[in-house]
C-alpha atoms as a PDB file:
ATOM      1  CA  UNK A   1     109.011  -2.492 -88.436  1.00  0.00           C
ATOM      2  CA  UNK A   2     106.716   0.340 -89.164  1.00  0.00           C
ATOM      3  CA  UNK A   3     104.532  -1.055 -91.778  1.00  0.00           C
ATOM      4  CA  UNK A   4     103.678  -3.626 -88.937  1.00  0.00           C
ATOM      5  CA  UNK A   5     102.922  -1.123 -86.244  1.00  0.00           C
ATOM      6  CA  UNK A   6     100.637   0.514 -88.425  1.00  0.00           C
ATOM      7  CA  UNK A   7      98.741  -2.310 -89.757  1.00  0.00           C
ATOM      8  CA  UNK A   8      98.472  -2.854 -85.790  1.00  0.00           C
ATOM      9  CA  UNK A   9      97.412   0.768 -85.291  1.00  0.00           C
ATOM     10  CA  UNK A  10      94.807   0.364 -87.717  1.00  0.00           C
ATOM     11  CA  UNK A  11      92.980  -2.701 -86.529  1.00  0.00           C
ATOM     12  CA  UNK A  12      93.159  -1.488 -83.131  1.00  0.00           C
ATOM     13  CA  UNK A  13      91.295   1.760 -84.259  1.00  0.00           C
ATOM     14  CA  UNK A  14      89.046  -0.242 -85.786  1.00  0.00           C
ATOM     15  CA  UNK A  15      88.434  -2.614 -82.644  1.00  0.00           C
ATOM     16  CA  UNK A  16      87.687  -0.165 -80.752  1.00  0.00           C
ATOM     17  CA  UNK A  17      85.133   1.758 -83.434  1.00  0.00           C
ATOM     18  CA  UNK A  18      83.086  -0.913 -83.904  1.00  0.00           C
ATOM     19  CA  UNK A  19      82.875  -2.442 -80.080  1.00  0.00           C
ATOM     20  CA  UNK A  20      81.827   1.467 -80.559  1.00  0.00           C
ATOM     21  CA  UNK A  21      78.771   1.169 -82.878  1.00  0.00           C
ATOM     22  CA  UNK A  22      77.775  -2.070 -81.017  1.00  0.00           C
ATOM     23  CA  UNK A  23      77.267  -0.225 -78.163  1.00  0.00           C
ATOM     24  CA  UNK A  24      75.466   2.892 -80.090  1.00  0.00           C
ATOM     25  CA  UNK A  25      73.077   0.179 -81.408  1.00  0.00           C
ATOM     26  CA  UNK A  26      72.899  -1.941 -78.511  1.00  0.00           C
ATOM     27  CA  UNK A  27      71.984   1.047 -75.966  1.00  0.00           C
ATOM     28  CA  UNK A  28      69.396   2.766 -78.822  1.00  0.00           C
ATOM     29  CA  UNK A  29      67.176  -0.715 -78.912  1.00  0.00           C
ATOM     30  CA  UNK A  30      67.248  -0.972 -74.856  1.00  0.00           C
ATOM     31  CA  UNK A  31      66.354   2.744 -74.723  1.00  0.00           C
ATOM     32  CA  UNK A  32      63.491   1.923 -77.711  1.00  0.00           C
ATOM     33  CA  UNK A  33      62.189  -1.263 -75.512  1.00  0.00           C
ATOM     34  CA  UNK A  34      62.664   0.413 -72.015  1.00  0.00           C
ATOM     35  CA  UNK A  35      60.112   3.919 -73.926  1.00  0.00           C
ATOM     36  CA  UNK A  36      57.637   0.585 -75.328  1.00  0.00           C
ATOM     37  CA  UNK A  37      57.997  -1.226 -71.805  1.00  0.00           C
ATOM     38  CA  UNK A  38      56.849   2.049 -69.569  1.00  0.00           C
ATOM     39  CA  UNK A  39      54.452   3.373 -72.060  1.00  0.00           C
ATOM     40  CA  UNK A  40      52.555  -0.244 -72.173  1.00  0.00           C
ATOM     41  CA  UNK A  41      52.745   0.268 -67.979  1.00  0.00           C
ATOM     42  CA  UNK A  42      51.562   3.689 -68.215  1.00  0.00           C
ATOM     43  CA  UNK A  43      48.361   1.971 -70.727  1.00  0.00           C
ATOM     44  CA  UNK A  44      47.717  -1.059 -68.299  1.00  0.00           C
ATOM     45  CA  UNK A  45      47.602   1.399 -65.599  1.00  0.00           C
ATOM     46  CA  UNK A  46      45.342   3.381 -67.315  1.00  0.00           C
ATOM     47  CA  UNK A  47      43.227   0.925 -69.019  1.00  0.00           C
ATOM     48  CA  UNK A  48      42.439  -1.017 -65.361  1.00  0.00           C
ATOM     49  CA  UNK A  49      41.221   2.178 -64.340  1.00  0.00           C
ATOM     50  CA  UNK A  50      38.595   2.691 -66.728  1.00  0.00           C
ATOM     51  CA  UNK A  51      37.826  -0.650 -66.376  1.00  0.00           C
ATOM     52  CA  UNK A  52      37.468  -0.908 -62.983  1.00  0.00           C
ATOM     53  CA  UNK A  53      35.112   2.494 -63.416  1.00  0.00           C
ATOM     54  CA  UNK A  54      33.334   0.172 -66.191  1.00  0.00           C
ATOM     55  CA  UNK A  55      32.345  -2.522 -64.095  1.00  0.00           C
ATOM     56  CA  UNK A  56      31.008  -0.413 -61.026  1.00  0.00           C
ATOM     57  CA  UNK A  57      28.953   1.722 -63.042  1.00  0.00           C
ATOM     58  CA  UNK A  58      27.314  -2.015 -64.845  1.00  0.00           C
ATOM     59  CA  UNK A  59      24.259  -1.473 -63.423  1.00  0.00           C
ATOM     60  CA  UNK A  60      23.090  -5.609 -63.766  1.00  0.00           C
ATOM     61  CA  UNK A  61      25.323  -8.693 -64.369  1.00  0.00           C
ATOM     62  CA  UNK A  62      23.902  -8.643 -67.920  1.00  0.00           C
ATOM     63  CA  UNK A  63      25.868  -5.457 -68.591  1.00  0.00           C
ATOM     64  CA  UNK A  64      29.171  -6.272 -66.425  1.00  0.00           C
ATOM     65  CA  UNK A  65      29.503  -9.374 -68.658  1.00  0.00           C
ATOM     66  CA  UNK A  66      29.149  -7.307 -72.342  1.00  0.00           C
ATOM     67  CA  UNK A  67      32.257  -5.002 -70.631  1.00  0.00           C
ATOM     68  CA  UNK A  68      34.658  -7.745 -69.456  1.00  0.00           C
ATOM     69  CA  UNK A  69      34.120  -9.058 -73.065  1.00  0.00           C
ATOM     70  CA  UNK A  70      34.650  -5.758 -74.891  1.00  0.00           C
ATOM     71  CA  UNK A  71      37.704  -5.520 -72.564  1.00  0.00           C
ATOM     72  CA  UNK A  72      39.114  -8.593 -73.304  1.00  0.00           C
ATOM     73  CA  UNK A  73      39.272  -8.478 -76.616  1.00  0.00           C
ATOM     74  CA  UNK A  74      40.741  -4.818 -75.819  1.00  0.00           C
ATOM     75  CA  UNK A  75      43.006  -6.258 -74.278  1.00  0.00           C
ATOM     76  CA  UNK A  76      44.250  -8.642 -76.640  1.00  0.00           C
ATOM     77  CA  UNK A  77      44.467  -6.095 -78.981  1.00  0.00           C
ATOM     78  CA  UNK A  78      46.448  -4.466 -77.282  1.00  0.00           C
ATOM     79  CA  UNK A  79      48.044  -7.847 -76.622  1.00  0.00           C
ATOM     80  CA  UNK A  80      48.831  -7.748 -80.117  1.00  0.00           C
ATOM     81  CA  UNK A  81      50.020  -4.539 -81.267  1.00  0.00           C
ATOM     82  CA  UNK A  82      52.726  -4.778 -77.957  1.00  0.00           C
ATOM     83  CA  UNK A  83      53.788  -7.604 -79.416  1.00  0.00           C
ATOM     84  CA  UNK A  84      54.518  -6.552 -83.306  1.00  0.00           C
ATOM     85  CA  UNK A  85      56.142  -3.354 -81.725  1.00  0.00           C
ATOM     86  CA  UNK A  86      58.395  -5.341 -79.108  1.00  0.00           C
ATOM     87  CA  UNK A  87      59.341  -7.669 -82.683  1.00  0.00           C
ATOM     88  CA  UNK A  88      59.771  -4.853 -84.800  1.00  0.00           C
ATOM     89  CA  UNK A  89      62.543  -2.721 -82.134  1.00  0.00           C
ATOM     90  CA  UNK A  90      64.796  -6.669 -82.185  1.00  0.00           C
ATOM     91  CA  UNK A  91      63.847  -6.837 -85.760  1.00  0.00           C
ATOM     92  CA  UNK A  92      65.426  -3.673 -86.817  1.00  0.00           C
ATOM     93  CA  UNK A  93      68.909  -4.193 -83.944  1.00  0.00           C
ATOM     94  CA  UNK A  94      69.416  -7.623 -85.813  1.00  0.00           C
ATOM     95  CA  UNK A  95      69.614  -6.107 -88.825  1.00  0.00           C
ATOM     96  CA  UNK A  96      71.517  -3.558 -87.314  1.00  0.00           C
ATOM     97  CA  UNK A  97      73.902  -5.921 -86.192  1.00  0.00           C
ATOM     98  CA  UNK A  98      74.499  -8.267 -89.146  1.00  0.00           C
ATOM     99  CA  UNK A  99      75.049  -5.185 -91.258  1.00  0.00           C
ATOM    100  CA  UNK A 100      77.804  -4.534 -88.886  1.00  0.00           C
ATOM    101  CA  UNK A 101      79.247  -7.145 -88.905  1.00  0.00           C
ATOM    102  CA  UNK A 102      78.880  -7.822 -92.372  1.00  0.00           C
ATOM    103  CA  UNK A 103      80.383  -4.202 -92.693  1.00  0.00           C
ATOM    104  CA  UNK A 104      83.930  -5.612 -90.483  1.00  0.00           C
ATOM    105  CA  UNK A 105      84.298  -8.903 -92.395  1.00  0.00           C
ATOM    106  CA  UNK A 106      84.031  -7.698 -95.456  1.00  0.00           C
ATOM    107  CA  UNK A 107      87.665  -4.685 -94.292  1.00  0.00           C
ATOM    108  CA  UNK A 108      88.837  -7.781 -92.652  1.00  0.00           C
ATOM    109  CA  UNK A 109      88.602  -9.578 -95.651  1.00  0.00           C
ATOM    110  CA  UNK A 110      90.914  -6.577 -97.489  1.00  0.00           C
ATOM    111  CA  UNK A 111      93.352  -6.508 -94.842  1.00  0.00           C
ATOM    112  CA  UNK A 112      93.368 -10.349 -95.593  1.00  0.00           C
ATOM    113  CA  UNK A 113      93.549  -9.514 -99.723  1.00  0.00           C
ATOM    114  CA  UNK A 114      96.443  -6.750 -99.177  1.00  0.00           C
ATOM    115  CA  UNK A 115      98.360  -8.769 -96.501  1.00  0.00           C
ATOM    116  CA  UNK A 116      98.852 -11.712 -99.089  1.00  0.00           C
ATOM    117  CA  UNK A 117      99.585  -9.501-101.944  1.00  0.00           C
ATOM    118  CA  UNK A 118     101.945  -8.084 -99.288  1.00  0.00           C
ATOM    119  CA  UNK A 119     103.353 -11.040 -98.833  1.00  0.00           C
ATOM    120  CA  UNK A 120     103.749 -12.071-102.639  1.00  0.00           C
ATOM    121  CA  UNK A 121     105.494  -9.682-103.417  1.00  0.00           C
ATOM    122  CA  UNK A 122     108.166 -10.017-100.615  1.00  0.00           C
ATOM    123  CA  UNK A 123     108.078 -13.859-101.018  1.00  0.00           C
ATOM    124  CA  UNK A 124     111.305 -15.584-101.696  1.00  0.00           C
ATOM    125  CA  UNK A 125     111.492 -17.007-105.052  1.00  0.00           C
ATOM    126  CA  UNK A 126     110.281 -20.587-105.765  1.00  0.00           C
ATOM    127  CA  UNK A 127     106.964 -20.068-103.489  1.00  0.00           C
ATOM    128  CA  UNK A 128     104.292 -18.200-105.732  1.00  0.00           C
ATOM    129  CA  UNK A 129     102.619 -21.656-105.619  1.00  0.00           C
ATOM    130  CA  UNK A 130     101.952 -21.590-102.378  1.00  0.00           C
ATOM    131  CA  UNK A 131     101.245 -17.925-102.105  1.00  0.00           C
ATOM    132  CA  UNK A 132      98.649 -18.679-104.743  1.00  0.00           C
ATOM    133  CA  UNK A 133      97.114 -21.547-103.769  1.00  0.00           C
ATOM    134  CA  UNK A 134      96.541 -19.388-100.351  1.00  0.00           C
ATOM    135  CA  UNK A 135      94.723 -16.835-102.301  1.00  0.00           C
ATOM    136  CA  UNK A 136      92.493 -19.118-104.385  1.00  0.00           C
ATOM    137  CA  UNK A 137      91.617 -20.919-100.967  1.00  0.00           C
ATOM    138  CA  UNK A 138      91.174 -17.694 -99.364  1.00  0.00           C
ATOM    139  CA  UNK A 139      88.659 -16.447-102.537  1.00  0.00           C
ATOM    140  CA  UNK A 140      86.148 -20.140-101.654  1.00  0.00           C
ATOM    141  CA  UNK A 141      86.297 -19.116 -98.507  1.00  0.00           C
ATOM    142  CA  UNK A 142      84.985 -15.986 -98.654  1.00  0.00           C
ATOM    143  CA  UNK A 143      83.257 -17.019-101.642  1.00  0.00           C
ATOM    144  CA  UNK A 144      81.486 -19.565 -99.545  1.00  0.00           C
ATOM    145  CA  UNK A 145      80.794 -16.730 -96.491  1.00  0.00           C
ATOM    146  CA  UNK A 146      78.782 -15.052 -99.037  1.00  0.00           C
ATOM    147  CA  UNK A 147      76.518 -17.717-100.607  1.00  0.00           C
ATOM    148  CA  UNK A 148      75.830 -18.417 -96.578  1.00  0.00           C
ATOM    149  CA  UNK A 149      74.994 -14.735 -95.483  1.00  0.00           C
ATOM    150  CA  UNK A 150      72.314 -14.268 -98.798  1.00  0.00           C
ATOM    151  CA  UNK A 151      71.050 -17.701 -97.769  1.00  0.00           C
ATOM    152  CA  UNK A 152      70.614 -16.603 -93.763  1.00  0.00           C
ATOM    153  CA  UNK A 153      69.293 -12.705 -95.283  1.00  0.00           C
ATOM    154  CA  UNK A 154      66.655 -15.300 -97.129  1.00  0.00           C
ATOM    155  CA  UNK A 155      66.108 -16.730 -94.039  1.00  0.00           C
ATOM    156  CA  UNK A 156      65.523 -14.110 -92.357  1.00  0.00           C
ATOM    157  CA  UNK A 157      63.909 -12.202 -94.864  1.00  0.00           C
ATOM    158  CA  UNK A 158      60.850 -14.961 -95.096  1.00  0.00           C
ATOM    159  CA  UNK A 159      60.702 -15.227 -91.323  1.00  0.00           C
ATOM    160  CA  UNK A 160      60.277 -11.518 -91.095  1.00  0.00           C
ATOM    161  CA  UNK A 161      57.329 -11.742 -93.613  1.00  0.00           C
ATOM    162  CA  UNK A 162      55.944 -14.676 -91.835  1.00  0.00           C
ATOM    163  CA  UNK A 163      55.565 -12.982 -88.022  1.00  0.00           C
ATOM    164  CA  UNK A 164      54.347  -9.772 -89.980  1.00  0.00           C
ATOM    165  CA  UNK A 165      51.621 -12.136 -91.685  1.00  0.00           C
ATOM    166  CA  UNK A 166      50.404 -14.053 -88.983  1.00  0.00           C
ATOM    167  CA  UNK A 167      49.854 -11.063 -86.552  1.00  0.00           C
ATOM    168  CA  UNK A 168      48.443  -9.012 -88.866  1.00  0.00           C
ATOM    169  CA  UNK A 169      46.080 -12.892 -88.915  1.00  0.00           C
ATOM    170  CA  UNK A 170      45.921 -12.351 -85.032  1.00  0.00           C
ATOM    171  CA  UNK A 171      44.910  -9.073 -84.887  1.00  0.00           C
ATOM    172  CA  UNK A 172      41.853  -9.513 -87.403  1.00  0.00           C
ATOM    173  CA  UNK A 173      41.099 -12.368 -85.728  1.00  0.00           C
ATOM    174  CA  UNK A 174      41.397 -10.794 -82.608  1.00  0.00           C
ATOM    175  CA  UNK A 175      39.316  -7.658 -84.064  1.00  0.00           C
ATOM    176  CA  UNK A 176      36.938  -9.758 -85.219  1.00  0.00           C
ATOM    177  CA  UNK A 177      36.148 -11.888 -82.023  1.00  0.00           C
ATOM    178  CA  UNK A 178      35.821  -8.861 -80.441  1.00  0.00           C
ATOM    179  CA  UNK A 179      33.104  -8.103 -82.670  1.00  0.00           C
ATOM    180  CA  UNK A 180      31.115 -10.817 -82.344  1.00  0.00           C
ATOM    181  CA  UNK A 181      30.750 -10.394 -78.899  1.00  0.00           C
END
């Protein structure tokens, strides 16, 4: 009975620790997002004040149009940079939560294997075949999950690479377009 209580105690402590780590990751990413949004808001206000000043100092409509074109290119660059920063925050949060989930899955697997070993030692005579079949089934399931995790990780890496390449291409296109105008 003591071993069962000890097992439940370990499981509960592990659950609490996991919940705390999840909360910490969530709060950290929320803090980063809020900070990014506040910085963006401050910068947008400053940009609007500067744009208004520049437009009021324009001598003729042609000069005002050139200033509007330059400001729109600058705004597009900032939007691309902001989306890149936002993607980095979300991506790093997702990676942290994935690592946490993988750690918990690995710990669960270890605990289950330990329990199966304890069950095998205390199982009645003649039940070896059933315990071995269950162990075999569990090993196959764990291998399949591991394969799926690796495949998912490859998809994440591929997507990350493509998003970064697309963002860089967009930033370059915006810079080129704003230089032309």
